[in-house]
Amino acid sequence: MLSAIDEILWSLKDGKWHNLKEITENSSLTEPKAKMTINFLQEYSFIQVDENERKAKLRPQMLSFIDEIQRAEKEEASSHKSLESAVSIKEFASLRRSLKKI
């Protein structure tokens, strides 16, 4: 079920309205599974659903939450790269000291 939720949230992450056809085309979900997942997300107020138009979009709070997660992931990836560079510099300095002893 979590992967279905992820797929629906991922298809709606642009904050725009998407109809059921777009959502199923942009995911690996069947229409019945997409409908069931959309109903769940609507019930717990993650998304807004326009029943007449048969379309859905993320609620503003959920959109902000996803944006914040993506920002944190980018910062974490950047932090890991900085750490890798620092380790490499330390290793290089250690190697240099070892070579001087020879």
PDB file of N, CA and C in Angstrom:
ATOM      1  N   MET A   1       0.827  -1.205   0.000  1.00  0.00           N
ATOM      2  CA  MET A   1       0.000   0.000   0.000  1.00  0.00           C
ATOM      3  C   MET A   1       0.864   1.259   0.000  1.00  0.00           C
ATOM      4  N   LEU A   2       1.994   1.227   0.713  1.00  0.00           N
ATOM      5  CA  LEU A   2       2.829   2.425   0.766  1.00  0.00           C
ATOM      6  C   LEU A   2       3.342   2.841  -0.594  1.00  0.00           C
ATOM      7  N   SER A   3       3.705   1.890  -1.432  1.00  0.00           N
ATOM      8  CA  SER A   3       4.194   2.274  -2.751  1.00  0.00           C
ATOM      9  C   SER A   3       3.082   2.918  -3.572  1.00  0.00           C
ATOM     10  N   ALA A   4       1.842   2.477  -3.393  1.00  0.00           N
ATOM     11  CA  ALA A   4       0.709   3.091  -4.101  1.00  0.00           C
ATOM     12  C   ALA A   4       0.534   4.536  -3.628  1.00  0.00           C
ATOM     13  N   ILE A   5       0.651   4.744  -2.320  1.00  0.00           N
ATOM     14  CA  ILE A   5       0.540   6.102  -1.769  1.00  0.00           C
ATOM     15  C   ILE A   5       1.666   6.974  -2.322  1.00  0.00           C
ATOM     16  N   ASP A   6       2.882   6.443  -2.303  1.00  0.00           N
ATOM     17  CA  ASP A   6       4.027   7.182  -2.841  1.00  0.00           C
ATOM     18  C   ASP A   6       3.791   7.572  -4.295  1.00  0.00           C
ATOM     19  N   GLU A   7       3.290   6.633  -5.073  1.00  0.00           N
ATOM     20  CA  GLU A   7       3.074   6.910  -6.495  1.00  0.00           C
ATOM     21  C   GLU A   7       2.036   8.001  -6.718  1.00  0.00           C
ATOM     22  N   ILE A   8       0.959   7.975  -5.943  1.00  0.00           N
ATOM     23  CA  ILE A   8      -0.070   9.007  -6.080  1.00  0.00           C
ATOM     24  C   ILE A   8       0.497  10.359  -5.646  1.00  0.00           C
ATOM     25  N   LEU A   9       1.167  10.392  -4.500  1.00  0.00           N
ATOM     26  CA  LEU A   9       1.742  11.647  -4.019  1.00  0.00           C
ATOM     27  C   LEU A   9       2.764  12.192  -5.017  1.00  0.00           C
ATOM     28  N   TRP A  10       3.575  11.308  -5.584  1.00  0.00           N
ATOM     29  CA  TRP A  10       4.584  11.717  -6.567  1.00  0.00           C
ATOM     30  C   TRP A  10       3.910  12.316  -7.801  1.00  0.00           C
ATOM     31  N   SER A  11       2.788  11.714  -8.244  1.00  0.00           N
ATOM     32  CA  SER A  11       2.097  12.247  -9.428  1.00  0.00           C
ATOM     33  C   SER A  11       1.451  13.596  -9.165  1.00  0.00           C
ATOM     34  N   LEU A  12       1.196  13.917  -7.903  1.00  0.00           N
ATOM     35  CA  LEU A  12       0.519  15.167  -7.566  1.00  0.00           C
ATOM     36  C   LEU A  12       1.461  16.226  -7.003  1.00  0.00           C
ATOM     37  N   LYS A  13       2.752  15.948  -6.968  1.00  0.00           N
ATOM     38  CA  LYS A  13       3.690  16.830  -6.272  1.00  0.00           C
ATOM     39  C   LYS A  13       3.864  18.206  -6.921  1.00  0.00           C
ATOM     40  N   ASP A  14       3.326  18.387  -8.126  1.00  0.00           N
ATOM     41  CA  ASP A  14       3.420  19.709  -8.751  1.00  0.00           C
ATOM     42  C   ASP A  14       2.350  20.671  -8.245  1.00  0.00           C
ATOM     43  N   GLY A  15       1.413  20.157  -7.419  1.00  0.00           N
ATOM     44  CA  GLY A  15       0.389  21.011  -6.825  1.00  0.00           C
ATOM     45  C   GLY A  15      -0.790  21.323  -7.727  1.00  0.00           C
ATOM     46  N   LYS A  16      -0.796  20.777  -8.934  1.00  0.00           N
ATOM     47  CA  LYS A  16      -1.879  21.038  -9.887  1.00  0.00           C
ATOM     48  C   LYS A  16      -2.927  19.930  -9.831  1.00  0.00           C
ATOM     49  N   TRP A  17      -4.087  20.221 -10.417  1.00  0.00           N
ATOM     50  CA  TRP A  17      -5.142  19.209 -10.514  1.00  0.00           C
ATOM     51  C   TRP A  17      -4.765  18.176 -11.567  1.00  0.00           C
ATOM     52  N   HIS A  18      -5.017  16.903 -11.264  1.00  0.00           N
ATOM     53  CA  HIS A  18      -4.774  15.807 -12.203  1.00  0.00           C
ATOM     54  C   HIS A  18      -5.979  14.882 -12.168  1.00  0.00           C
ATOM     55  N   ASN A  19      -6.413  14.470 -13.362  1.00  0.00           N
ATOM     56  CA  ASN A  19      -7.541  13.538 -13.383  1.00  0.00           C
ATOM     57  C   ASN A  19      -7.036  12.111 -13.201  1.00  0.00           C
ATOM     58  N   LEU A  20      -7.973  11.207 -12.988  1.00  0.00           N
ATOM     59  CA  LEU A  20      -7.629   9.814 -12.704  1.00  0.00           C
ATOM     60  C   LEU A  20      -6.800   9.200 -13.827  1.00  0.00           C
ATOM     61  N   LYS A  21      -7.130   9.540 -15.063  1.00  0.00           N
ATOM     62  CA  LYS A  21      -6.385   8.996 -16.206  1.00  0.00           C
ATOM     63  C   LYS A  21      -4.916   9.424 -16.150  1.00  0.00           C
ATOM     64  N   GLU A  22      -4.660  10.700 -15.857  1.00  0.00           N
ATOM     65  CA  GLU A  22      -3.281  11.189 -15.748  1.00  0.00           C
ATOM     66  C   GLU A  22      -2.538  10.481 -14.615  1.00  0.00           C
ATOM     67  N   ILE A  23      -3.230  10.326 -13.496  1.00  0.00           N
ATOM     68  CA  ILE A  23      -2.594   9.696 -12.338  1.00  0.00           C
ATOM     69  C   ILE A  23      -2.215   8.254 -12.643  1.00  0.00           C
ATOM     70  N   THR A  24      -3.107   7.500 -13.266  1.00  0.00           N
ATOM     71  CA  THR A  24      -2.793   6.105 -13.572  1.00  0.00           C
ATOM     72  C   THR A  24      -1.731   5.999 -14.667  1.00  0.00           C
ATOM     73  N   GLU A  25      -1.737   6.935 -15.621  1.00  0.00           N
ATOM     74  CA  GLU A  25      -0.718   6.911 -16.677  1.00  0.00           C
ATOM     75  C   GLU A  25       0.671   7.232 -16.132  1.00  0.00           C
ATOM     76  N   ASN A  26       0.722   8.083 -15.104  1.00  0.00           N
ATOM     77  CA  ASN A  26       2.010   8.487 -14.528  1.00  0.00           C
ATOM     78  C   ASN A  26       2.466   7.573 -13.401  1.00  0.00           C
ATOM     79  N   SER A  27       1.772   6.475 -13.213  1.00  0.00           N
ATOM     80  CA  SER A  27       2.148   5.535 -12.169  1.00  0.00           C
ATOM     81  C   SER A  27       2.004   4.119 -12.717  1.00  0.00           C
ATOM     82  N   SER A  28       2.340   3.164 -11.896  1.00  0.00           N
ATOM     83  CA  SER A  28       2.191   1.768 -12.314  1.00  0.00           C
ATOM     84  C   SER A  28       0.909   1.171 -11.733  1.00  0.00           C
ATOM     85  N   LEU A  29       0.006   2.040 -11.268  1.00  0.00           N
ATOM     86  CA  LEU A  29      -1.205   1.574 -10.602  1.00  0.00           C
ATOM     87  C   LEU A  29      -2.332   1.310 -11.596  1.00  0.00           C
ATOM     88  N   THR A  30      -3.139   0.329 -11.275  1.00  0.00           N
ATOM     89  CA  THR A  30      -4.353   0.103 -12.049  1.00  0.00           C
ATOM     90  C   THR A  30      -5.372   1.150 -11.602  1.00  0.00           C
ATOM     91  N   GLU A  31      -6.408   1.353 -12.392  1.00  0.00           N
ATOM     92  CA  GLU A  31      -7.418   2.344 -12.026  1.00  0.00           C
ATOM     93  C   GLU A  31      -8.102   2.016 -10.699  1.00  0.00           C
ATOM     94  N   PRO A  32      -8.498   0.752 -10.457  1.00  0.00           N
ATOM     95  CA  PRO A  32      -9.125   0.460  -9.153  1.00  0.00           C
ATOM     96  C   PRO A  32      -8.199   0.722  -7.965  1.00  0.00           C
ATOM     97  N   LYS A  33      -6.911   0.376  -8.109  1.00  0.00           N
ATOM     98  CA  LYS A  33      -5.970   0.606  -7.011  1.00  0.00           C
ATOM     99  C   LYS A  33      -5.729   2.111  -6.822  1.00  0.00           C
ATOM    100  N   ALA A  34      -5.668   2.840  -7.919  1.00  0.00           N
ATOM    101  CA  ALA A  34      -5.496   4.293  -7.826  1.00  0.00           C
ATOM    102  C   ALA A  34      -6.702   4.927  -7.134  1.00  0.00           C
ATOM    103  N   LYS A  35      -7.911   4.496  -7.507  1.00  0.00           N
ATOM    104  CA  LYS A  35      -9.123   5.032  -6.875  1.00  0.00           C
ATOM    105  C   LYS A  35      -9.123   4.749  -5.376  1.00  0.00           C
ATOM    106  N   MET A  36      -8.783   3.531  -5.006  1.00  0.00           N
ATOM    107  CA  MET A  36      -8.759   3.150  -3.597  1.00  0.00           C
ATOM    108  C   MET A  36      -7.742   4.004  -2.824  1.00  0.00           C
ATOM    109  N   THR A  37      -6.586   4.208  -3.408  1.00  0.00           N
ATOM    110  CA  THR A  37      -5.539   5.002  -2.762  1.00  0.00           C
ATOM    111  C   THR A  37      -5.949   6.468  -2.665  1.00  0.00           C
ATOM    112  N   ILE A  38      -6.551   6.982  -3.712  1.00  0.00           N
ATOM    113  CA  ILE A  38      -7.033   8.365  -3.708  1.00  0.00           C
ATOM    114  C   ILE A  38      -8.087   8.545  -2.621  1.00  0.00           C
ATOM    115  N   ASN A  39      -8.991   7.586  -2.499  1.00  0.00           N
ATOM    116  CA  ASN A  39     -10.010   7.658  -1.441  1.00  0.00           C
ATOM    117  C   ASN A  39      -9.369   7.700  -0.052  1.00  0.00           C
ATOM    118  N   PHE A  40      -8.351   6.871   0.149  1.00  0.00           N
ATOM    119  CA  PHE A  40      -7.631   6.855   1.434  1.00  0.00           C
ATOM    120  C   PHE A  40      -6.980   8.213   1.692  1.00  0.00           C
ATOM    121  N   LEU A  41      -6.265   8.739   0.691  1.00  0.00           N
ATOM    122  CA  LEU A  41      -5.572  10.014   0.859  1.00  0.00           C
ATOM    123  C   LEU A  41      -6.553  11.164   1.092  1.00  0.00           C
ATOM    124  N   GLN A  42      -7.724  11.079   0.465  1.00  0.00           N
ATOM    125  CA  GLN A  42      -8.751  12.098   0.679  1.00  0.00           C
ATOM    126  C   GLN A  42      -9.338  11.980   2.083  1.00  0.00           C
ATOM    127  N   GLU A  43      -9.611  10.766   2.516  1.00  0.00           N
ATOM    128  CA  GLU A  43     -10.188  10.544   3.842  1.00  0.00           C
ATOM    129  C   GLU A  43      -9.319  11.125   4.948  1.00  0.00           C
ATOM    130  N   TYR A  44      -7.993  11.029   4.776  1.00  0.00           N
ATOM    131  CA  TYR A  44      -7.070  11.529   5.791  1.00  0.00           C
ATOM    132  C   TYR A  44      -6.511  12.914   5.452  1.00  0.00           C
ATOM    133  N   SER A  45      -7.181  13.602   4.536  1.00  0.00           N
ATOM    134  CA  SER A  45      -6.899  15.016   4.200  1.00  0.00           C
ATOM    135  C   SER A  45      -5.504  15.284   3.634  1.00  0.00           C
ATOM    136  N   PHE A  46      -4.944  14.315   2.931  1.00  0.00           N
ATOM    137  CA  PHE A  46      -3.670  14.554   2.252  1.00  0.00           C
ATOM    138  C   PHE A  46      -3.898  15.245   0.913  1.00  0.00           C
ATOM    139  N   ILE A  47      -5.036  14.958   0.294  1.00  0.00           N
ATOM    140  CA  ILE A  47      -5.338  15.510  -1.020  1.00  0.00           C
ATOM    141  C   ILE A  47      -6.756  16.073  -1.043  1.00  0.00           C
ATOM    142  N   GLN A  48      -7.000  16.929  -2.041  1.00  0.00           N
ATOM    143  CA  GLN A  48      -8.332  17.434  -2.328  1.00  0.00           C
ATOM    144  C   GLN A  48      -8.837  16.685  -3.553  1.00  0.00           C
ATOM    145  N   VAL A  49     -10.109  16.360  -3.552  1.00  0.00           N
ATOM    146  CA  VAL A  49     -10.692  15.663  -4.697  1.00  0.00           C
ATOM    147  C   VAL A  49     -11.920  16.434  -5.163  1.00  0.00           C
ATOM    148  N   ASP A  50     -11.979  16.668  -6.459  1.00  0.00           N
ATOM    149  CA  ASP A  50     -13.158  17.260  -7.075  1.00  0.00           C
ATOM    150  C   ASP A  50     -13.940  16.100  -7.679  1.00  0.00           C
ATOM    151  N   GLU A  51     -14.997  15.689  -6.988  1.00  0.00           N
ATOM    152  CA  GLU A  51     -15.787  14.517  -7.401  1.00  0.00           C
ATOM    153  C   GLU A  51     -16.428  14.712  -8.774  1.00  0.00           C
ATOM    154  N   ASN A  52     -16.911  15.938  -9.054  1.00  0.00           N
ATOM    155  CA  ASN A  52     -17.579  16.200 -10.339  1.00  0.00           C
ATOM    156  C   ASN A  52     -16.617  16.060 -11.509  1.00  0.00           C
ATOM    157  N   GLU A  53     -15.445  16.626 -11.342  1.00  0.00           N
ATOM    158  CA  GLU A  53     -14.450  16.601 -12.421  1.00  0.00           C
ATOM    159  C   GLU A  53     -13.571  15.353 -12.381  1.00  0.00           C
ATOM    160  N   ARG A  54     -13.689  14.584 -11.297  1.00  0.00           N
ATOM    161  CA  ARG A  54     -12.868  13.382 -11.097  1.00  0.00           C
ATOM    162  C   ARG A  54     -11.375  13.706 -11.203  1.00  0.00           C
ATOM    163  N   LYS A  55     -10.973  14.691 -10.385  1.00  0.00           N
ATOM    164  CA  LYS A  55      -9.560  15.073 -10.368  1.00  0.00           C
ATOM    165  C   LYS A  55      -9.125  15.315  -8.931  1.00  0.00           C
ATOM    166  N   ALA A  56      -7.801  15.313  -8.738  1.00  0.00           N
ATOM    167  CA  ALA A  56      -7.246  15.444  -7.387  1.00  0.00           C
ATOM    168  C   ALA A  56      -5.995  16.304  -7.419  1.00  0.00           C
ATOM    169  N   LYS A  57      -5.685  16.870  -6.260  1.00  0.00           N
ATOM    170  CA  LYS A  57      -4.419  17.604  -6.084  1.00  0.00           C
ATOM    171  C   LYS A  57      -4.044  17.556  -4.617  1.00  0.00           C
ATOM    172  N   LEU A  58      -2.762  17.809  -4.351  1.00  0.00           N
ATOM    173  CA  LEU A  58      -2.283  17.833  -2.968  1.00  0.00           C
ATOM    174  C   LEU A  58      -2.854  19.030  -2.233  1.00  0.00           C
ATOM    175  N   ARG A  59      -3.142  18.843  -0.962  1.00  0.00           N
ATOM    176  CA  ARG A  59      -3.527  19.977  -0.117  1.00  0.00           C
ATOM    177  C   ARG A  59      -2.279  20.829   0.100  1.00  0.00           C
ATOM    178  N   PRO A  60      -2.442  22.115   0.293  1.00  0.00           N
ATOM    179  CA  PRO A  60      -1.275  22.999   0.457  1.00  0.00           C
ATOM    180  C   PRO A  60      -0.313  22.546   1.552  1.00  0.00           C
ATOM    181  N   GLN A  61      -0.840  22.041   2.685  1.00  0.00           N
ATOM    182  CA  GLN A  61       0.037  21.604   3.771  1.00  0.00           C
ATOM    183  C   GLN A  61       0.889  20.413   3.329  1.00  0.00           C
ATOM    184  N   MET A  62       0.301  19.499   2.580  1.00  0.00           N
ATOM    185  CA  MET A  62       1.037  18.324   2.116  1.00  0.00           C
ATOM    186  C   MET A  62       2.077  18.726   1.073  1.00  0.00           C
ATOM    187  N   LEU A  63       1.719  19.663   0.227  1.00  0.00           N
ATOM    188  CA  LEU A  63       2.658  20.163  -0.781  1.00  0.00           C
ATOM    189  C   LEU A  63       3.872  20.789  -0.093  1.00  0.00           C
ATOM    190  N   SER A  64       3.624  21.584   0.947  1.00  0.00           N
ATOM    191  CA  SER A  64       4.728  22.196   1.708  1.00  0.00           C
ATOM    192  C   SER A  64       5.586  21.129   2.370  1.00  0.00           C
ATOM    193  N   PHE A  65       4.941  20.114   2.921  1.00  0.00           N
ATOM    194  CA  PHE A  65       5.649  19.022   3.574  1.00  0.00           C
ATOM    195  C   PHE A  65       6.571  18.301   2.583  1.00  0.00           C
ATOM    196  N   ILE A  66       6.061  17.991   1.411  1.00  0.00           N
ATOM    197  CA  ILE A  66       6.866  17.298   0.392  1.00  0.00           C
ATOM    198  C   ILE A  66       8.017  18.191  -0.068  1.00  0.00           C
ATOM    199  N   ASP A  67       7.754  19.485  -0.264  1.00  0.00           N
ATOM    200  CA  ASP A  67       8.825  20.412  -0.645  1.00  0.00           C
ATOM    201  C   ASP A  67       9.919  20.440   0.419  1.00  0.00           C
ATOM    202  N   GLU A  68       9.522  20.448   1.683  1.00  0.00           N
ATOM    203  CA  GLU A  68      10.490  20.469   2.786  1.00  0.00           C
ATOM    204  C   GLU A  68      11.323  19.187   2.813  1.00  0.00           C
ATOM    205  N   ILE A  69      10.686  18.057   2.585  1.00  0.00           N
ATOM    206  CA  ILE A  69      11.418  16.783   2.539  1.00  0.00           C
ATOM    207  C   ILE A  69      12.440  16.801   1.410  1.00  0.00           C
ATOM    208  N   GLN A  70      12.032  17.285   0.233  1.00  0.00           N
ATOM    209  CA  GLN A  70      12.951  17.328  -0.905  1.00  0.00           C
ATOM    210  C   GLN A  70      14.128  18.260  -0.630  1.00  0.00           C
ATOM    211  N   ARG A  71      13.860  19.395   0.026  1.00  0.00           N
ATOM    212  CA  ARG A  71      14.949  20.311   0.389  1.00  0.00           C
ATOM    213  C   ARG A  71      15.927  19.633   1.355  1.00  0.00           C
ATOM    214  N   ALA A  72      15.381  18.950   2.354  1.00  0.00           N
ATOM    215  CA  ALA A  72      16.221  18.261   3.337  1.00  0.00           C
ATOM    216  C   ALA A  72      17.064  17.176   2.670  1.00  0.00           C
ATOM    217  N   GLU A  73      16.466  16.454   1.724  1.00  0.00           N
ATOM    218  CA  GLU A  73      17.218  15.404   1.015  1.00  0.00           C
ATOM    219  C   GLU A  73      18.363  16.007   0.214  1.00  0.00           C
ATOM    220  N   LYS A  74      18.132  17.159  -0.431  1.00  0.00           N
ATOM    221  CA  LYS A  74      19.196  17.814  -1.199  1.00  0.00           C
ATOM    222  C   LYS A  74      20.318  18.281  -0.277  1.00  0.00           C
ATOM    223  N   GLU A  75      19.926  18.865   0.873  1.00  0.00           N
ATOM    224  CA  GLU A  75      20.941  19.318   1.842  1.00  0.00           C
ATOM    225  C   GLU A  75      21.749  18.146   2.373  1.00  0.00           C
ATOM    226  N   GLU A  76      21.071  17.031   2.633  1.00  0.00           N
ATOM    227  CA  GLU A  76      21.757  15.846   3.135  1.00  0.00           C
ATOM    228  C   GLU A  76      22.734  15.302   2.099  1.00  0.00           C
ATOM    229  N   ALA A  77      22.305  15.270   0.845  1.00  0.00           N
ATOM    230  CA  ALA A  77      23.187  14.787  -0.221  1.00  0.00           C
ATOM    231  C   ALA A  77      24.398  15.703  -0.358  1.00  0.00           C
ATOM    232  N   SER A  78      24.167  17.007  -0.265  1.00  0.00           N
ATOM    233  CA  SER A  78      25.255  17.973  -0.349  1.00  0.00           C
ATOM    234  C   SER A  78      26.215  17.806   0.827  1.00  0.00           C
ATOM    235  N   SER A  79      25.668  17.564   1.994  1.00  0.00           N
ATOM    236  CA  SER A  79      26.470  17.363   3.199  1.00  0.00           C
ATOM    237  C   SER A  79      27.350  16.122   3.067  1.00  0.00           C
ATOM    238  N   HIS A  80      26.776  15.051   2.504  1.00  0.00           N
ATOM    239  CA  HIS A  80      27.552  13.822   2.310  1.00  0.00           C
ATOM    240  C   HIS A  80      28.701  14.047   1.339  1.00  0.00           C
ATOM    241  N   LYS A  81      28.462  14.840   0.291  1.00  0.00           N
ATOM    242  CA  LYS A  81      29.528  15.122  -0.670  1.00  0.00           C
ATOM    243  C   LYS A  81      30.643  15.896  -0.005  1.00  0.00           C
ATOM    244  N   SER A  82      30.283  16.871   0.850  1.00  0.00           N
ATOM    245  CA  SER A  82      31.296  17.656   1.567  1.00  0.00           C
ATOM    246  C   SER A  82      32.109  16.758   2.488  1.00  0.00           C
ATOM    247  N   LEU A  83      31.426  15.844   3.165  1.00  0.00           N
ATOM    248  CA  LEU A  83      32.085  14.916   4.073  1.00  0.00           C
ATOM    249  C   LEU A  83      33.034  14.003   3.302  1.00  0.00           C
ATOM    250  N   GLU A  84      32.586  13.511   2.147  1.00  0.00           N
ATOM    251  CA  GLU A  84      33.450  12.655   1.320  1.00  0.00           C
ATOM    252  C   GLU A  84      34.692  13.415   0.891  1.00  0.00           C
ATOM    253  N   SER A  85      34.531  14.683   0.519  1.00  0.00           N
ATOM    254  CA  SER A  85      35.683  15.498   0.119  1.00  0.00           C
ATOM    255  C   SER A  85      36.631  15.681   1.288  1.00  0.00           C
ATOM    256  N   ALA A  86      36.102  15.937   2.469  1.00  0.00           N
ATOM    257  CA  ALA A  86      36.936  16.125   3.658  1.00  0.00           C
ATOM    258  C   ALA A  86      37.711  14.860   3.978  1.00  0.00           C
ATOM    259  N   VAL A  87      37.064  13.717   3.881  1.00  0.00           N
ATOM    260  CA  VAL A  87      37.750  12.447   4.132  1.00  0.00           C
ATOM    261  C   VAL A  87      38.852  12.243   3.106  1.00  0.00           C
ATOM    262  N   SER A  88      38.578  12.551   1.870  1.00  0.00           N
ATOM    263  CA  SER A  88      39.578  12.388   0.827  1.00  0.00           C
ATOM    264  C   SER A  88      40.777  13.281   1.075  1.00  0.00           C
ATOM    265  N   ILE A  89      40.544  14.502   1.524  1.00  0.00           N
ATOM    266  CA  ILE A  89      41.629  15.425   1.819  1.00  0.00           C
ATOM    267  C   ILE A  89      42.462  14.897   2.982  1.00  0.00           C
ATOM    268  N   LYS A  90      41.788  14.373   4.010  1.00  0.00           N
ATOM    269  CA  LYS A  90      42.512  13.803   5.155  1.00  0.00           C
ATOM    270  C   LYS A  90      43.339  12.600   4.719  1.00  0.00           C
ATOM    271  N   GLU A  91      42.751  11.754   3.896  1.00  0.00           N
ATOM    272  CA  GLU A  91      43.485  10.583   3.414  1.00  0.00           C
ATOM    273  C   GLU A  91      44.699  11.011   2.605  1.00  0.00           C
ATOM    274  N   PHE A  92      44.521  12.055   1.772  1.00  0.00           N
ATOM    275  CA  PHE A  92      45.621  12.556   0.964  1.00  0.00           C
ATOM    276  C   PHE A  92      46.728  13.099   1.865  1.00  0.00           C
ATOM    277  N   ALA A  93      46.369  13.848   2.882  1.00  0.00           N
ATOM    278  CA  ALA A  93      47.363  14.408   3.810  1.00  0.00           C
ATOM    279  C   ALA A  93      48.108  13.287   4.529  1.00  0.00           C
ATOM    280  N   SER A  94      47.390  12.257   4.939  1.00  0.00           N
ATOM    281  CA  SER A  94      48.005  11.117   5.613  1.00  0.00           C
ATOM    282  C   SER A  94      48.980  10.411   4.676  1.00  0.00           C
ATOM    283  N   LEU A  95      48.582  10.226   3.445  1.00  0.00           N
ATOM    284  CA  LEU A  95      49.435   9.583   2.447  1.00  0.00           C
ATOM    285  C   LEU A  95      50.689  10.414   2.224  1.00  0.00           C
ATOM    286  N   ARG A  96      50.531  11.705   2.170  1.00  0.00           N
ATOM    287  CA  ARG A  96      51.663  12.609   1.973  1.00  0.00           C
ATOM    288  C   ARG A  96      52.662  12.501   3.122  1.00  0.00           C
ATOM    289  N   ARG A  97      52.145  12.455   4.355  1.00  0.00           N
ATOM    290  CA  ARG A  97      53.028  12.314   5.525  1.00  0.00           C
ATOM    291  C   ARG A  97      53.762  10.991   5.482  1.00  0.00           C
ATOM    292  N   SER A  98      53.047   9.940   5.068  1.00  0.00           N
ATOM    293  CA  SER A  98      53.670   8.617   4.977  1.00  0.00           C
ATOM    294  C   SER A  98      54.792   8.613   3.934  1.00  0.00           C
ATOM    295  N   LEU A  99      54.553   9.271   2.835  1.00  0.00           N
ATOM    296  CA  LEU A  99      55.565   9.326   1.771  1.00  0.00           C
ATOM    297  C   LEU A  99      56.800  10.107   2.213  1.00  0.00           C
ATOM    298  N   LYS A 100      56.609  11.140   3.022  1.00  0.00           N
ATOM    299  CA  LYS A 100      57.740  11.929   3.499  1.00  0.00           C
ATOM    300  C   LYS A 100      58.647  11.091   4.398  1.00  0.00           C
ATOM    301  N   LYS A 101      58.083  10.134   5.113  1.00  0.00           N
ATOM    302  CA  LYS A 101      58.859   9.288   6.013  1.00  0.00           C
ATOM    303  C   LYS A 101      59.749   8.341   5.224  1.00  0.00           C
ATOM    304  N   ILE A 102      59.388   8.058   3.995  1.00  0.00           N
ATOM    305  CA  ILE A 102      60.149   7.105   3.175  1.00  0.00           C
ATOM    306  C   ILE A 102      61.282   7.805   2.551  1.00  0.00           C
TER     307      ILE A 102
END
